Amino acid sequence: MTMDKNAAGIRIRELREALRHHNYRYYILSQPEISDFEYDLMMHELQALEQEFPEFGDVNSPSQQVGSDLNREFVQVAHKYPMLSLSNTYSEEEVLEFDARVRKMIGDDFEYVAELKYDGVAIGLSYEKGRLMQAVTRGDGVKGDVVTDNVRTIRSIPLVLRGENHPEAFEIRGEIFMTHEGFLRLNELRKAAGEDVFANPRNATAGTLKLQNSSLVAKRPLDCCLYHLLGEDLPYSSHYENLTAAREWGFKIPEYIRKFENTGDLFAYIRDWEERRKGLPFGIDGIVIKVNRYDQQEQLGFTAKSPRWAIAYKFKAEQAETRLLSVDFQ
């Protein structure tokens, strides 16, 4: 029996809502509620209905996360907010010098936020009315490539946000990466197919995002963590609190972010992760340190190349291969 248009529209909405919920449970919370078989049944039903009733097409439907066979040249756009570099530091002494500069400008009443520095590819995601509108790579920091179709295939990136308390329009930035396990599995498949293997997860991620065929991107094990919000109507006046809110909207916000009021506790955090990082399922090469409150960030301002309110501490084991680079990004 053929479903009428109204019933099809209702069922499509139900399936999309259910699939978004299960994507969130699986990819963000790591707490799946249904089996892969049950998920696939719902996805196949949705795909069939969308094909039969194309008037209900939606680029943000969960069905679009399987990608497309169409080839597209990447368009470049200017970043609304330039993706500036962070100054690198390689010692606790240099962090103390940074801390002294901050205290000289804004006094002692402030907090730091520390977060892991992911070894991946930076991305900026723009949302309007709770829907993903555009994804742009860093590029040269002033303009980047639009890779929205490829990014839509990454299951840990929400195409439609949860809840109603998010801003009308905002940008959230983060890092796209591959886990160690996903990278090894990808290289095994490439080797078996007689293809060149990737040198490391970061190169594999960058190469994947440059593919013109998003259906191929969908088959690669890409993941994404988000760490920075930008916008004129953010709900809170600090970095940490807005990231906490963004987690409720469905974003994969790392659980490792911490606030600190003094450098002693901050250094303990840095030393701890320098020891523990080998146990992580993905690569990190340092810790990013930021002043938490936006008004204090504004007071500190920027140099020609980087913000004065943030710095990247690079782990010692990484210095040999990164010292030639004067700056890093987050």
C-alpha atoms as a PDB file:
ATOM      1  CA  MET A   1       0.000   0.000   0.000  1.00  0.00           C
ATOM      2  CA  THR A   2       1.414   3.377  -1.060  1.00  0.00           C
ATOM      3  CA  MET A   3       1.760   5.997   1.675  1.00  0.00           C
ATOM      4  CA  ASP A   4       0.078   9.349   0.973  1.00  0.00           C
ATOM      5  CA  LYS A   5       2.067  12.575   0.987  1.00  0.00           C
ATOM      6  CA  ASN A   6       0.945  13.816   4.417  1.00  0.00           C
ATOM      7  CA  ALA A   7       1.672  10.492   6.107  1.00  0.00           C
ATOM      8  CA  ALA A   8       5.034  10.316   4.345  1.00  0.00           C
ATOM      9  CA  GLY A   9       5.955  13.800   5.585  1.00  0.00           C
ATOM     10  CA  ILE A  10       5.095  12.857   9.161  1.00  0.00           C
ATOM     11  CA  ARG A  11       7.018   9.591   8.983  1.00  0.00           C
ATOM     12  CA  ILE A  12      10.073  11.299   7.441  1.00  0.00           C
ATOM     13  CA  ARG A  13      10.133  13.811  10.300  1.00  0.00           C
ATOM     14  CA  GLU A  14       9.808  10.987  12.846  1.00  0.00           C
ATOM     15  CA  LEU A  15      12.658   9.024  11.281  1.00  0.00           C
ATOM     16  CA  ARG A  16      14.938  12.059  11.061  1.00  0.00           C
ATOM     17  CA  GLU A  17      14.339  12.934  14.708  1.00  0.00           C
ATOM     18  CA  ALA A  18      14.939   9.341  15.772  1.00  0.00           C
ATOM     19  CA  LEU A  19      18.130   8.995  13.737  1.00  0.00           C
ATOM     20  CA  ARG A  20      19.497  12.297  15.051  1.00  0.00           C
ATOM     21  CA  HIS A  21      18.782  11.102  18.574  1.00  0.00           C
ATOM     22  CA  HIS A  22      20.588   7.808  17.990  1.00  0.00           C
ATOM     23  CA  ASN A  23      23.526   9.557  16.276  1.00  0.00           C
ATOM     24  CA  TYR A  24      23.858  11.709  19.390  1.00  0.00           C
ATOM     25  CA  ARG A  25      23.680   8.685  21.704  1.00  0.00           C
ATOM     26  CA  TYR A  26      26.251   6.750  19.667  1.00  0.00           C
ATOM     27  CA  TYR A  27      28.739   9.347  18.404  1.00  0.00           C
ATOM     28  CA  ILE A  28      28.622  11.943  21.186  1.00  0.00           C
ATOM     29  CA  LEU A  29      27.673  10.079  24.373  1.00  0.00           C
ATOM     30  CA  SER A  30      28.982   6.630  23.341  1.00  0.00           C
ATOM     31  CA  GLN A  31      25.775   5.205  24.840  1.00  0.00           C
ATOM     32  CA  PRO A  32      23.851   3.497  22.009  1.00  0.00           C
ATOM     33  CA  GLU A  33      20.257   2.515  22.692  1.00  0.00           C
ATOM     34  CA  ILE A  34      19.621   0.332  19.635  1.00  0.00           C
ATOM     35  CA  SER A  35      21.573  -2.175  17.552  1.00  0.00           C
ATOM     36  CA  ASP A  36      23.304  -1.321  14.283  1.00  0.00           C
ATOM     37  CA  PHE A  37      20.710  -3.484  12.530  1.00  0.00           C
ATOM     38  CA  GLU A  38      17.810  -1.454  13.965  1.00  0.00           C
ATOM     39  CA  TYR A  39      19.574   1.785  13.031  1.00  0.00           C
ATOM     40  CA  ASP A  40      20.137   0.587   9.469  1.00  0.00           C
ATOM     41  CA  LEU A  41      16.464  -0.363   9.118  1.00  0.00           C
ATOM     42  CA  MET A  42      15.394   3.163  10.041  1.00  0.00           C
ATOM     43  CA  MET A  43      17.985   4.703   7.714  1.00  0.00           C
ATOM     44  CA  HIS A  44      16.896   2.538   4.794  1.00  0.00           C
ATOM     45  CA  GLU A  45      13.246   3.427   5.412  1.00  0.00           C
ATOM     46  CA  LEU A  46      14.115   7.121   5.461  1.00  0.00           C
ATOM     47  CA  GLN A  47      16.157   6.894   2.268  1.00  0.00           C
ATOM     48  CA  ALA A  48      13.329   5.076   0.492  1.00  0.00           C
ATOM     49  CA  LEU A  49      10.730   7.652   1.567  1.00  0.00           C
ATOM     50  CA  GLU A  50      12.953  10.584   0.589  1.00  0.00           C
ATOM     51  CA  GLN A  51      13.463   9.037  -2.823  1.00  0.00           C
ATOM     52  CA  GLU A  52       9.734   8.468  -3.280  1.00  0.00           C
ATOM     53  CA  PHE A  53       8.809  11.930  -1.974  1.00  0.00           C
ATOM     54  CA  PRO A  54      11.639  14.280  -3.112  1.00  0.00           C
ATOM     55  CA  GLU A  55       9.598  17.331  -2.100  1.00  0.00           C
ATOM     56  CA  PHE A  56      10.658  16.569   1.492  1.00  0.00           C
ATOM     57  CA  GLY A  57      14.380  16.714   0.614  1.00  0.00           C
ATOM     58  CA  ASP A  58      16.658  18.338   3.204  1.00  0.00           C
ATOM     59  CA  VAL A  59      20.438  18.704   2.991  1.00  0.00           C
ATOM     60  CA  ASN A  60      20.571  18.325   6.790  1.00  0.00           C
ATOM     61  CA  SER A  61      18.716  15.012   6.829  1.00  0.00           C
ATOM     62  CA  PRO A  62      20.636  12.146   8.508  1.00  0.00           C
ATOM     63  CA  SER A  63      20.459  10.360   5.157  1.00  0.00           C
ATOM     64  CA  GLN A  64      22.816  12.963   3.689  1.00  0.00           C
ATOM     65  CA  GLN A  65      25.635  11.798   5.962  1.00  0.00           C
ATOM     66  CA  VAL A  66      26.361   8.947   3.556  1.00  0.00           C
ATOM     67  CA  GLY A  67      27.733  11.481   1.024  1.00  0.00           C
ATOM     68  CA  SER A  68      27.200  12.018  -2.688  1.00  0.00           C
ATOM     69  CA  ASP A  69      28.900  10.715  -5.836  1.00  0.00           C
ATOM     70  CA  LEU A  70      28.960  14.212  -7.355  1.00  0.00           C
ATOM     71  CA  ASN A  71      32.360  15.856  -7.816  1.00  0.00           C
ATOM     72  CA  ARG A  72      32.627  19.464  -6.666  1.00  0.00           C
ATOM     73  CA  GLU A  73      35.407  22.012  -6.871  1.00  0.00           C
ATOM     74  CA  PHE A  74      35.978  23.720  -3.533  1.00  0.00           C
ATOM     75  CA  VAL A  75      34.941  27.362  -3.286  1.00  0.00           C
ATOM     76  CA  GLN A  76      37.032  29.694  -1.125  1.00  0.00           C
ATOM     77  CA  VAL A  77      35.369  32.140   1.263  1.00  0.00           C
ATOM     78  CA  ALA A  78      36.652  34.715   3.722  1.00  0.00           C
ATOM     79  CA  HIS A  79      36.371  33.813   7.399  1.00  0.00           C
ATOM     80  CA  LYS A  80      33.961  36.077   9.262  1.00  0.00           C
ATOM     81  CA  TYR A  81      36.377  35.779  12.192  1.00  0.00           C
ATOM     82  CA  PRO A  82      39.995  35.257  11.060  1.00  0.00           C
ATOM     83  CA  MET A  83      41.470  31.938  12.187  1.00  0.00           C
ATOM     84  CA  LEU A  84      44.552  33.374  13.863  1.00  0.00           C
ATOM     85  CA  SER A  85      47.603  31.459  14.997  1.00  0.00           C
ATOM     86  CA  LEU A  86      48.629  30.817  18.586  1.00  0.00           C
ATOM     87  CA  SER A  87      52.127  31.484  19.849  1.00  0.00           C
ATOM     88  CA  ASN A  88      53.984  28.301  20.748  1.00  0.00           C
ATOM     89  CA  THR A  89      55.850  27.690  23.974  1.00  0.00           C
ATOM     90  CA  TYR A  90      58.046  24.754  24.907  1.00  0.00           C
ATOM     91  CA  SER A  91      58.743  25.219  28.615  1.00  0.00           C
ATOM     92  CA  GLU A  92      57.052  26.081  31.887  1.00  0.00           C
ATOM     93  CA  GLU A  93      59.294  29.140  32.091  1.00  0.00           C
ATOM     94  CA  GLU A  94      57.765  30.487  28.884  1.00  0.00           C
ATOM     95  CA  VAL A  95      54.270  29.825  30.247  1.00  0.00           C
ATOM     96  CA  LEU A  96      55.214  31.825  33.351  1.00  0.00           C
ATOM     97  CA  GLU A  97      56.349  34.670  31.101  1.00  0.00           C
ATOM     98  CA  PHE A  98      52.987  34.525  29.319  1.00  0.00           C
ATOM     99  CA  ASP A  99      51.222  34.509  32.702  1.00  0.00           C
ATOM    100  CA  ALA A 100      53.199  37.570  33.813  1.00  0.00           C
ATOM    101  CA  ARG A 101      52.199  39.465  30.670  1.00  0.00           C
ATOM    102  CA  VAL A 102      48.539  38.600  31.237  1.00  0.00           C
ATOM    103  CA  ARG A 103      48.608  39.680  34.895  1.00  0.00           C
ATOM    104  CA  LYS A 104      50.341  42.932  34.003  1.00  0.00           C
ATOM    105  CA  MET A 105      47.460  43.830  31.658  1.00  0.00           C
ATOM    106  CA  ILE A 106      44.367  42.564  33.519  1.00  0.00           C
ATOM    107  CA  GLY A 107      45.443  41.970  37.121  1.00  0.00           C
ATOM    108  CA  ASP A 108      45.100  38.752  39.117  1.00  0.00           C
ATOM    109  CA  ASP A 109      41.315  38.182  39.005  1.00  0.00           C
ATOM    110  CA  PHE A 110      40.985  35.739  36.126  1.00  0.00           C
ATOM    111  CA  GLU A 111      40.859  32.044  35.228  1.00  0.00           C
ATOM    112  CA  TYR A 112      42.646  29.971  32.629  1.00  0.00           C
ATOM    113  CA  VAL A 113      41.007  27.243  30.585  1.00  0.00           C
ATOM    114  CA  ALA A 114      43.279  24.412  29.478  1.00  0.00           C
ATOM    115  CA  GLU A 115      42.397  21.942  26.741  1.00  0.00           C
ATOM    116  CA  LEU A 116      44.139  19.281  24.699  1.00  0.00           C
ATOM    117  CA  LYS A 117      45.756  20.367  21.447  1.00  0.00           C
ATOM    118  CA  TYR A 118      44.498  17.925  18.836  1.00  0.00           C
ATOM    119  CA  ASP A 119      46.757  16.800  16.019  1.00  0.00           C
ATOM    120  CA  GLY A 120      44.269  17.119  13.188  1.00  0.00           C
ATOM    121  CA  VAL A 121      42.775  19.611  10.739  1.00  0.00           C
ATOM    122  CA  ALA A 122      41.080  22.793  11.989  1.00  0.00           C
ATOM    123  CA  ILE A 123      37.511  23.480  10.842  1.00  0.00           C
ATOM    124  CA  GLY A 124      34.969  26.253  11.306  1.00  0.00           C
ATOM    125  CA  LEU A 125      31.272  25.280  11.383  1.00  0.00           C
ATOM    126  CA  SER A 126      28.596  27.943  10.868  1.00  0.00           C
ATOM    127  CA  TYR A 127      25.058  27.380  12.177  1.00  0.00           C
ATOM    128  CA  GLU A 128      21.884  29.357  11.612  1.00  0.00           C
ATOM    129  CA  LYS A 129      18.578  28.601  13.296  1.00  0.00           C
ATOM    130  CA  GLY A 130      20.043  25.374  14.640  1.00  0.00           C
ATOM    131  CA  ARG A 131      21.151  23.984  11.277  1.00  0.00           C
ATOM    132  CA  LEU A 132      24.622  23.482   9.825  1.00  0.00           C
ATOM    133  CA  MET A 133      25.046  25.969   6.985  1.00  0.00           C
ATOM    134  CA  GLN A 134      28.737  25.915   6.123  1.00  0.00           C
ATOM    135  CA  ALA A 135      32.039  24.238   6.984  1.00  0.00           C
ATOM    136  CA  VAL A 136      35.294  26.001   6.108  1.00  0.00           C
ATOM    137  CA  THR A 137      38.911  24.877   6.478  1.00  0.00           C
ATOM    138  CA  ARG A 138      41.556  27.135   7.983  1.00  0.00           C
ATOM    139  CA  GLY A 139      43.205  27.902   4.650  1.00  0.00           C
ATOM    140  CA  ASP A 140      45.538  30.864   5.153  1.00  0.00           C
ATOM    141  CA  GLY A 141      43.615  32.080   8.208  1.00  0.00           C
ATOM    142  CA  VAL A 142      41.889  34.830   6.226  1.00  0.00           C
ATOM    143  CA  LYS A 143      40.031  32.598   3.781  1.00  0.00           C
ATOM    144  CA  GLY A 144      39.494  28.849   3.509  1.00  0.00           C
ATOM    145  CA  ASP A 145      37.900  26.111   1.413  1.00  0.00           C
ATOM    146  CA  VAL A 146      34.199  25.363   1.757  1.00  0.00           C
ATOM    147  CA  VAL A 147      34.005  21.629   2.524  1.00  0.00           C
ATOM    148  CA  THR A 148      30.428  21.490   3.799  1.00  0.00           C
ATOM    149  CA  ASP A 149      29.400  18.421   1.795  1.00  0.00           C
ATOM    150  CA  ASN A 150      32.359  16.433   3.101  1.00  0.00           C
ATOM    151  CA  VAL A 151      31.840  17.552   6.693  1.00  0.00           C
ATOM    152  CA  ARG A 152      28.169  16.572   6.598  1.00  0.00           C
ATOM    153  CA  THR A 153      29.305  12.943   6.376  1.00  0.00           C
ATOM    154  CA  ILE A 154      31.019  13.058   9.805  1.00  0.00           C
ATOM    155  CA  ARG A 155      28.565  11.486  12.228  1.00  0.00           C
ATOM    156  CA  SER A 156      29.894  13.290  15.322  1.00  0.00           C
ATOM    157  CA  ILE A 157      29.010  16.681  13.768  1.00  0.00           C
ATOM    158  CA  PRO A 158      25.326  17.535  14.289  1.00  0.00           C
ATOM    159  CA  LEU A 159      23.508  18.751  11.185  1.00  0.00           C
ATOM    160  CA  VAL A 160      20.583  19.941  13.322  1.00  0.00           C
ATOM    161  CA  LEU A 161      21.126  21.047  16.921  1.00  0.00           C
ATOM    162  CA  ARG A 162      19.338  19.741  19.982  1.00  0.00           C
ATOM    163  CA  GLY A 163      17.122  21.969  22.116  1.00  0.00           C
ATOM    164  CA  GLU A 164      16.066  25.568  21.550  1.00  0.00           C
ATOM    165  CA  ASN A 165      18.478  27.640  23.657  1.00  0.00           C
ATOM    166  CA  HIS A 166      21.282  28.005  21.094  1.00  0.00           C
ATOM    167  CA  PRO A 167      21.989  31.362  19.415  1.00  0.00           C
ATOM    168  CA  GLU A 168      20.264  32.289  16.173  1.00  0.00           C
ATOM    169  CA  ALA A 169      23.625  32.306  14.384  1.00  0.00           C
ATOM    170  CA  PHE A 170      27.125  31.399  15.526  1.00  0.00           C
ATOM    171  CA  GLU A 171      30.337  29.657  14.529  1.00  0.00           C
ATOM    172  CA  ILE A 172      31.993  26.809  16.391  1.00  0.00           C
ATOM    173  CA  ARG A 173      35.542  25.706  15.664  1.00  0.00           C
ATOM    174  CA  GLY A 174      37.316  22.475  16.297  1.00  0.00           C
ATOM    175  CA  GLU A 175      39.532  19.766  14.927  1.00  0.00           C
ATOM    176  CA  ILE A 176      38.754  16.944  12.523  1.00  0.00           C
ATOM    177  CA  PHE A 177      40.936  13.893  13.108  1.00  0.00           C
ATOM    178  CA  MET A 178      41.231  10.123  12.880  1.00  0.00           C
ATOM    179  CA  THR A 179      41.695   7.847  15.843  1.00  0.00           C
ATOM    180  CA  HIS A 180      44.760   5.622  15.862  1.00  0.00           C
ATOM    181  CA  GLU A 181      42.548   2.577  15.314  1.00  0.00           C
ATOM    182  CA  GLY A 182      40.667   4.162  12.414  1.00  0.00           C
ATOM    183  CA  PHE A 183      43.902   5.261  10.771  1.00  0.00           C
ATOM    184  CA  LEU A 184      45.458   1.795  10.989  1.00  0.00           C
ATOM    185  CA  ARG A 185      42.298   0.206   9.612  1.00  0.00           C
ATOM    186  CA  LEU A 186      42.229   2.677   6.700  1.00  0.00           C
ATOM    187  CA  ASN A 187      45.861   1.974   5.820  1.00  0.00           C
ATOM    188  CA  GLU A 188      45.262  -1.780   5.966  1.00  0.00           C
ATOM    189  CA  LEU A 189      42.439  -1.401   3.456  1.00  0.00           C
ATOM    190  CA  ARG A 190      44.548   0.806   1.193  1.00  0.00           C
ATOM    191  CA  LYS A 191      47.470  -1.607   1.332  1.00  0.00           C
ATOM    192  CA  ALA A 192      45.195  -4.533   0.478  1.00  0.00           C
ATOM    193  CA  ALA A 193      43.859  -2.550  -2.492  1.00  0.00           C
ATOM    194  CA  GLY A 194      47.378  -1.775  -3.722  1.00  0.00           C
ATOM    195  CA  GLU A 195      47.075   1.931  -2.879  1.00  0.00           C
ATOM    196  CA  ASP A 196      49.634   4.155  -1.187  1.00  0.00           C
ATOM    197  CA  VAL A 197      49.284   4.300   2.586  1.00  0.00           C
ATOM    198  CA  PHE A 198      49.131   7.540   4.561  1.00  0.00           C
ATOM    199  CA  ALA A 199      52.122   8.627   6.632  1.00  0.00           C
ATOM    200  CA  ASN A 200      50.106   9.590   9.725  1.00  0.00           C
ATOM    201  CA  PRO A 201      46.524  10.311  10.863  1.00  0.00           C
ATOM    202  CA  ARG A 202      46.838  14.058  10.274  1.00  0.00           C
ATOM    203  CA  ASN A 203      47.862  13.583   6.631  1.00  0.00           C
ATOM    204  CA  ALA A 204      45.081  11.044   6.166  1.00  0.00           C
ATOM    205  CA  THR A 205      42.548  13.507   7.584  1.00  0.00           C
ATOM    206  CA  ALA A 206      43.743  16.412   5.438  1.00  0.00           C
ATOM    207  CA  GLY A 207      43.765  14.244   2.321  1.00  0.00           C
ATOM    208  CA  THR A 208      40.268  12.968   3.033  1.00  0.00           C
ATOM    209  CA  LEU A 209      38.791  16.453   3.439  1.00  0.00           C
ATOM    210  CA  LYS A 210      40.231  17.401   0.029  1.00  0.00           C
ATOM    211  CA  LEU A 211      38.427  14.567  -1.763  1.00  0.00           C
ATOM    212  CA  GLN A 212      35.927  15.820  -4.328  1.00  0.00           C
ATOM    213  CA  ASN A 213      33.590  12.858  -3.828  1.00  0.00           C
ATOM    214  CA  SER A 214      31.803  13.061  -0.476  1.00  0.00           C
ATOM    215  CA  SER A 215      30.603   9.451  -0.683  1.00  0.00           C
ATOM    216  CA  LEU A 216      34.273   8.441  -0.411  1.00  0.00           C
ATOM    217  CA  VAL A 217      34.717  10.792   2.547  1.00  0.00           C
ATOM    218  CA  ALA A 218      31.784   9.072   4.257  1.00  0.00           C
ATOM    219  CA  LYS A 219      33.724   5.797   4.188  1.00  0.00           C
ATOM    220  CA  ARG A 220      36.737   7.279   6.002  1.00  0.00           C
ATOM    221  CA  PRO A 221      36.865   7.157   9.843  1.00  0.00           C
ATOM    222  CA  LEU A 222      36.736  10.916  10.519  1.00  0.00           C
ATOM    223  CA  ASP A 223      35.796  12.323  13.916  1.00  0.00           C
ATOM    224  CA  CYS A 224      35.515  15.871  15.243  1.00  0.00           C
ATOM    225  CA  CYS A 225      35.914  17.603  18.613  1.00  0.00           C
ATOM    226  CA  LEU A 226      34.883  21.238  19.047  1.00  0.00           C
ATOM    227  CA  TYR A 227      36.620  23.765  21.274  1.00  0.00           C
ATOM    228  CA  HIS A 228      35.803  27.401  20.453  1.00  0.00           C
ATOM    229  CA  LEU A 229      32.607  29.412  19.892  1.00  0.00           C
ATOM    230  CA  LEU A 230      32.252  32.733  18.096  1.00  0.00           C
ATOM    231  CA  GLY A 231      29.196  34.914  17.679  1.00  0.00           C
ATOM    232  CA  GLU A 232      27.424  38.085  18.687  1.00  0.00           C
ATOM    233  CA  ASP A 233      24.705  36.443  20.782  1.00  0.00           C
ATOM    234  CA  LEU A 234      26.423  33.670  22.759  1.00  0.00           C
ATOM    235  CA  PRO A 235      24.544  32.769  25.970  1.00  0.00           C
ATOM    236  CA  TYR A 236      27.462  33.212  28.399  1.00  0.00           C
ATOM    237  CA  SER A 237      30.328  35.662  28.868  1.00  0.00           C
ATOM    238  CA  SER A 238      33.089  33.061  29.119  1.00  0.00           C
ATOM    239  CA  HIS A 239      34.721  30.414  26.987  1.00  0.00           C
ATOM    240  CA  TYR A 240      34.229  27.495  29.395  1.00  0.00           C
ATOM    241  CA  GLU A 241      30.544  28.131  30.087  1.00  0.00           C
ATOM    242  CA  ASN A 242      29.691  28.428  26.394  1.00  0.00           C
ATOM    243  CA  LEU A 243      31.469  25.160  25.644  1.00  0.00           C
ATOM    244  CA  THR A 244      29.455  23.517  28.417  1.00  0.00           C
ATOM    245  CA  ALA A 245      26.265  24.837  26.808  1.00  0.00           C
ATOM    246  CA  ALA A 246      27.380  23.662  23.355  1.00  0.00           C
ATOM    247  CA  ARG A 247      27.670  20.126  24.690  1.00  0.00           C
ATOM    248  CA  GLU A 248      23.925  20.238  25.407  1.00  0.00           C
ATOM    249  CA  TRP A 249      23.253  21.358  21.830  1.00  0.00           C
ATOM    250  CA  GLY A 250      24.752  18.095  20.555  1.00  0.00           C
ATOM    251  CA  PHE A 251      28.390  18.998  19.917  1.00  0.00           C
ATOM    252  CA  LYS A 252      31.245  16.702  20.842  1.00  0.00           C
ATOM    253  CA  ILE A 253      32.983  18.893  23.406  1.00  0.00           C
ATOM    254  CA  PRO A 254      36.022  17.177  24.932  1.00  0.00           C
ATOM    255  CA  GLU A 255      35.630  16.094  28.542  1.00  0.00           C
ATOM    256  CA  TYR A 256      39.264  16.969  29.257  1.00  0.00           C
ATOM    257  CA  ILE A 257      38.785  20.758  29.418  1.00  0.00           C
ATOM    258  CA  ARG A 258      39.562  22.269  32.830  1.00  0.00           C
ATOM    259  CA  LYS A 259      39.599  25.694  34.533  1.00  0.00           C
ATOM    260  CA  PHE A 260      42.538  26.880  36.637  1.00  0.00           C
ATOM    261  CA  GLU A 261      43.146  29.875  38.868  1.00  0.00           C
ATOM    262  CA  ASN A 262      46.922  29.426  39.233  1.00  0.00           C
ATOM    263  CA  THR A 263      49.860  28.143  37.236  1.00  0.00           C
ATOM    264  CA  GLY A 264      50.740  25.477  39.798  1.00  0.00           C
ATOM    265  CA  ASP A 265      47.562  23.505  39.109  1.00  0.00           C
ATOM    266  CA  LEU A 266      47.895  24.288  35.396  1.00  0.00           C
ATOM    267  CA  PHE A 267      51.384  22.786  35.273  1.00  0.00           C
ATOM    268  CA  ALA A 268      50.130  19.676  37.091  1.00  0.00           C
ATOM    269  CA  TYR A 269      47.498  19.282  34.348  1.00  0.00           C
ATOM    270  CA  ILE A 270      50.144  19.711  31.627  1.00  0.00           C
ATOM    271  CA  ARG A 271      52.517  17.184  33.213  1.00  0.00           C
ATOM    272  CA  ASP A 272      49.692  14.706  33.724  1.00  0.00           C
ATOM    273  CA  TRP A 273      48.694  14.791  30.061  1.00  0.00           C
ATOM    274  CA  GLU A 274      52.279  14.630  28.875  1.00  0.00           C
ATOM    275  CA  GLU A 275      52.412  11.252  30.627  1.00  0.00           C
ATOM    276  CA  ARG A 276      48.903  10.070  29.725  1.00  0.00           C
ATOM    277  CA  ARG A 277      48.630  11.115  26.104  1.00  0.00           C
ATOM    278  CA  LYS A 278      49.915   7.803  24.730  1.00  0.00           C
ATOM    279  CA  GLY A 279      46.820   6.166  26.184  1.00  0.00           C
ATOM    280  CA  LEU A 280      44.435   8.398  24.237  1.00  0.00           C
ATOM    281  CA  PRO A 281      42.696   6.945  21.152  1.00  0.00           C
ATOM    282  CA  PHE A 282      43.784  10.000  19.103  1.00  0.00           C
ATOM    283  CA  GLY A 283      46.893  12.137  18.743  1.00  0.00           C
ATOM    284  CA  ILE A 284      47.629  15.308  20.704  1.00  0.00           C
ATOM    285  CA  ASP A 285      50.805  17.386  20.618  1.00  0.00           C
ATOM    286  CA  GLY A 286      50.304  19.830  23.449  1.00  0.00           C
ATOM    287  CA  ILE A 287      47.972  21.862  25.642  1.00  0.00           C
ATOM    288  CA  VAL A 288      46.188  25.086  24.708  1.00  0.00           C
ATOM    289  CA  ILE A 289      45.849  27.665  27.489  1.00  0.00           C
ATOM    290  CA  LYS A 290      43.258  30.454  27.229  1.00  0.00           C
ATOM    291  CA  VAL A 291      41.999  33.259  29.459  1.00  0.00           C
ATOM    292  CA  ASN A 292      38.397  32.298  30.173  1.00  0.00           C
ATOM    293  CA  ARG A 293      36.347  35.529  30.209  1.00  0.00           C
ATOM    294  CA  TYR A 294      35.591  37.266  26.914  1.00  0.00           C
ATOM    295  CA  ASP A 295      35.842  40.777  28.328  1.00  0.00           C
ATOM    296  CA  GLN A 296      39.343  39.996  29.556  1.00  0.00           C
ATOM    297  CA  GLN A 297      40.243  38.454  26.196  1.00  0.00           C
ATOM    298  CA  GLU A 298      39.086  41.688  24.569  1.00  0.00           C
ATOM    299  CA  GLN A 299      41.142  43.722  27.028  1.00  0.00           C
ATOM    300  CA  LEU A 300      44.255  41.673  26.227  1.00  0.00           C
ATOM    301  CA  GLY A 301      43.671  41.934  22.485  1.00  0.00           C
ATOM    302  CA  PHE A 302      45.899  40.655  19.704  1.00  0.00           C
ATOM    303  CA  THR A 303      49.333  41.022  18.201  1.00  0.00           C
ATOM    304  CA  ALA A 304      49.657  41.125  14.422  1.00  0.00           C
ATOM    305  CA  LYS A 305      49.583  37.316  14.285  1.00  0.00           C
ATOM    306  CA  SER A 306      48.051  35.886  17.445  1.00  0.00           C
ATOM    307  CA  PRO A 307      45.854  36.592  20.485  1.00  0.00           C
ATOM    308  CA  ARG A 308      47.529  37.776  23.664  1.00  0.00           C
ATOM    309  CA  TRP A 309      45.020  35.778  25.734  1.00  0.00           C
ATOM    310  CA  ALA A 310      46.054  32.291  24.572  1.00  0.00           C
ATOM    311  CA  ILE A 311      49.181  30.207  24.089  1.00  0.00           C
ATOM    312  CA  ALA A 312      50.005  26.662  22.949  1.00  0.00           C
ATOM    313  CA  TYR A 313      52.299  24.555  25.129  1.00  0.00           C
ATOM    314  CA  LYS A 314      53.997  21.931  22.931  1.00  0.00           C
ATOM    315  CA  PHE A 315      55.041  18.633  24.492  1.00  0.00           C
ATOM    316  CA  LYS A 316      58.781  18.039  24.555  1.00  0.00           C
ATOM    317  CA  ALA A 317      58.644  14.833  22.531  1.00  0.00           C
ATOM    318  CA  GLU A 318      57.122  16.836  19.685  1.00  0.00           C
ATOM    319  CA  GLN A 319      59.725  19.594  19.618  1.00  0.00           C
ATOM    320  CA  ALA A 320      62.119  17.870  17.245  1.00  0.00           C
ATOM    321  CA  GLU A 321      59.544  17.718  14.463  1.00  0.00           C
ATOM    322  CA  THR A 322      57.698  20.981  15.168  1.00  0.00           C
ATOM    323  CA  ARG A 323      60.383  23.489  16.134  1.00  0.00           C
ATOM    324  CA  LEU A 324      60.681  24.720  12.535  1.00  0.00           C
ATOM    325  CA  LEU A 325      57.086  25.946  12.761  1.00  0.00           C
ATOM    326  CA  SER A 326      56.817  29.285  14.490  1.00  0.00           C
ATOM    327  CA  VAL A 327      53.100  29.080  15.220  1.00  0.00           C
ATOM    328  CA  ASP A 328      50.261  26.631  15.711  1.00  0.00           C
ATOM    329  CA  PHE A 329      46.530  27.022  15.600  1.00  0.00           C
ATOM    330  CA  GLN A 330      43.480  26.518  17.780  1.00  0.00           C
END
